[in-house]
């Protein structure tokens, strides 16, 4: 499954209906990820919380932390 990283990209994927699962770092600034969480809930997309931004970045194979990521349909 393909993953995208970053709040703006995740929001676009959720809004367009291509996101199948959303990941949010628990240590991310809530005001930054609040819209991702609420939109995913509204669209009935599973949201998975990951402990840290660094851990989420590592799971997405990037060298920096990530506040949000999503699995998308290919």
C-alpha atoms as a PDB file:
ATOM      1  CA  UNK A   1       0.000   0.000   0.000  1.00  0.00           C
ATOM      2  CA  UNK A   2       1.302   3.452  -0.885  1.00  0.00           C
ATOM      3  CA  UNK A   3       1.731   6.045   1.893  1.00  0.00           C
ATOM      4  CA  UNK A   4       1.745   9.800   1.729  1.00  0.00           C
ATOM      5  CA  UNK A   5       3.204  12.070   4.382  1.00  0.00           C
ATOM      6  CA  UNK A   6       2.332  15.538   5.629  1.00  0.00           C
ATOM      7  CA  UNK A   7      -0.783  17.242   6.887  1.00  0.00           C
ATOM      8  CA  UNK A   8      -1.663  19.015   3.631  1.00  0.00           C
ATOM      9  CA  UNK A   9      -1.206  15.874   1.523  1.00  0.00           C
ATOM     10  CA  UNK A  10      -3.196  13.765   4.003  1.00  0.00           C
ATOM     11  CA  UNK A  11      -6.046  16.277   3.983  1.00  0.00           C
ATOM     12  CA  UNK A  12      -6.142  16.201   0.169  1.00  0.00           C
ATOM     13  CA  UNK A  13      -6.196  12.388   0.169  1.00  0.00           C
ATOM     14  CA  UNK A  14      -8.995  12.221   2.732  1.00  0.00           C
ATOM     15  CA  UNK A  15     -11.068  14.892   0.969  1.00  0.00           C
ATOM     16  CA  UNK A  16     -10.700  13.187  -2.411  1.00  0.00           C
ATOM     17  CA  UNK A  17     -11.567   9.750  -1.016  1.00  0.00           C
ATOM     18  CA  UNK A  18      -8.288   7.969  -1.815  1.00  0.00           C
ATOM     19  CA  UNK A  19      -7.100   7.603   1.795  1.00  0.00           C
ATOM     20  CA  UNK A  20      -7.850   4.215   3.336  1.00  0.00           C
ATOM     21  CA  UNK A  21      -6.214   4.769   6.738  1.00  0.00           C
ATOM     22  CA  UNK A  22      -4.808   7.836   8.491  1.00  0.00           C
ATOM     23  CA  UNK A  23      -1.888   7.914  10.923  1.00  0.00           C
ATOM     24  CA  UNK A  24      -1.388  10.742  13.433  1.00  0.00           C
ATOM     25  CA  UNK A  25       1.548  11.279  15.790  1.00  0.00           C
ATOM     26  CA  UNK A  26       0.404  11.725  19.384  1.00  0.00           C
ATOM     27  CA  UNK A  27       3.162  14.266  20.060  1.00  0.00           C
ATOM     28  CA  UNK A  28       2.138  16.475  17.132  1.00  0.00           C
ATOM     29  CA  UNK A  29       0.635  19.875  17.878  1.00  0.00           C
ATOM     30  CA  UNK A  30      -3.086  19.155  18.240  1.00  0.00           C
ATOM     31  CA  UNK A  31      -4.102  22.341  16.449  1.00  0.00           C
ATOM     32  CA  UNK A  32      -2.090  21.149  13.436  1.00  0.00           C
ATOM     33  CA  UNK A  33      -3.661  17.672  13.208  1.00  0.00           C
ATOM     34  CA  UNK A  34      -7.144  18.449  14.535  1.00  0.00           C
ATOM     35  CA  UNK A  35      -8.612  18.903  11.025  1.00  0.00           C
ATOM     36  CA  UNK A  36      -7.059  15.615   9.838  1.00  0.00           C
ATOM     37  CA  UNK A  37      -8.608  13.733  12.765  1.00  0.00           C
ATOM     38  CA  UNK A  38     -12.068  15.292  12.396  1.00  0.00           C
ATOM     39  CA  UNK A  39     -12.187  14.918   8.608  1.00  0.00           C
ATOM     40  CA  UNK A  40     -11.114  11.265   8.814  1.00  0.00           C
ATOM     41  CA  UNK A  41     -13.837  10.627  11.384  1.00  0.00           C
ATOM     42  CA  UNK A  42     -16.403  12.402   9.199  1.00  0.00           C
ATOM     43  CA  UNK A  43     -15.389  10.291   6.170  1.00  0.00           C
ATOM     44  CA  UNK A  44     -15.312   7.120   8.345  1.00  0.00           C
ATOM     45  CA  UNK A  45     -11.613   6.490   7.699  1.00  0.00           C
ATOM     46  CA  UNK A  46      -9.718   4.580  10.368  1.00  0.00           C
ATOM     47  CA  UNK A  47      -7.308   6.764  12.359  1.00  0.00           C
ATOM     48  CA  UNK A  48      -4.280   5.135  13.968  1.00  0.00           C
ATOM     49  CA  UNK A  49      -2.315   7.030  16.595  1.00  0.00           C
ATOM     50  CA  UNK A  50       1.472   6.586  16.703  1.00  0.00           C
ATOM     51  CA  UNK A  51       3.501   7.621  19.775  1.00  0.00           C
ATOM     52  CA  UNK A  52       5.896  10.113  18.200  1.00  0.00           C
ATOM     53  CA  UNK A  53       6.478  12.064  14.998  1.00  0.00           C
ATOM     54  CA  UNK A  54       9.896  10.397  14.699  1.00  0.00           C
ATOM     55  CA  UNK A  55       8.316   6.934  14.912  1.00  0.00           C
ATOM     56  CA  UNK A  56       5.734   7.843  12.266  1.00  0.00           C
ATOM     57  CA  UNK A  57       8.432   9.222   9.982  1.00  0.00           C
ATOM     58  CA  UNK A  58      10.432   6.018  10.373  1.00  0.00           C
ATOM     59  CA  UNK A  59       7.378   3.880   9.544  1.00  0.00           C
ATOM     60  CA  UNK A  60       6.977   5.948   6.374  1.00  0.00           C
ATOM     61  CA  UNK A  61      10.660   5.461   5.467  1.00  0.00           C
ATOM     62  CA  UNK A  62      11.589   9.125   5.784  1.00  0.00           C
ATOM     63  CA  UNK A  63      14.506  10.562   7.762  1.00  0.00           C
ATOM     64  CA  UNK A  64      12.444  13.233   9.543  1.00  0.00           C
ATOM     65  CA  UNK A  65       9.404  13.187  11.775  1.00  0.00           C
ATOM     66  CA  UNK A  66       5.864  13.388  10.446  1.00  0.00           C
ATOM     67  CA  UNK A  67       2.747  14.696  12.166  1.00  0.00           C
ATOM     68  CA  UNK A  68       0.376  12.829   9.832  1.00  0.00           C
ATOM     69  CA  UNK A  69       0.454  10.201   7.105  1.00  0.00           C
ATOM     70  CA  UNK A  70      -2.061   8.144   5.181  1.00  0.00           C
ATOM     71  CA  UNK A  71      -2.304   4.898   3.261  1.00  0.00           C
ATOM     72  CA  UNK A  72      -3.874   5.543  -0.124  1.00  0.00           C
ATOM     73  CA  UNK A  73      -5.430   3.448  -2.866  1.00  0.00           C
ATOM     74  CA  UNK A  74      -3.026   2.807  -5.711  1.00  0.00           C
END
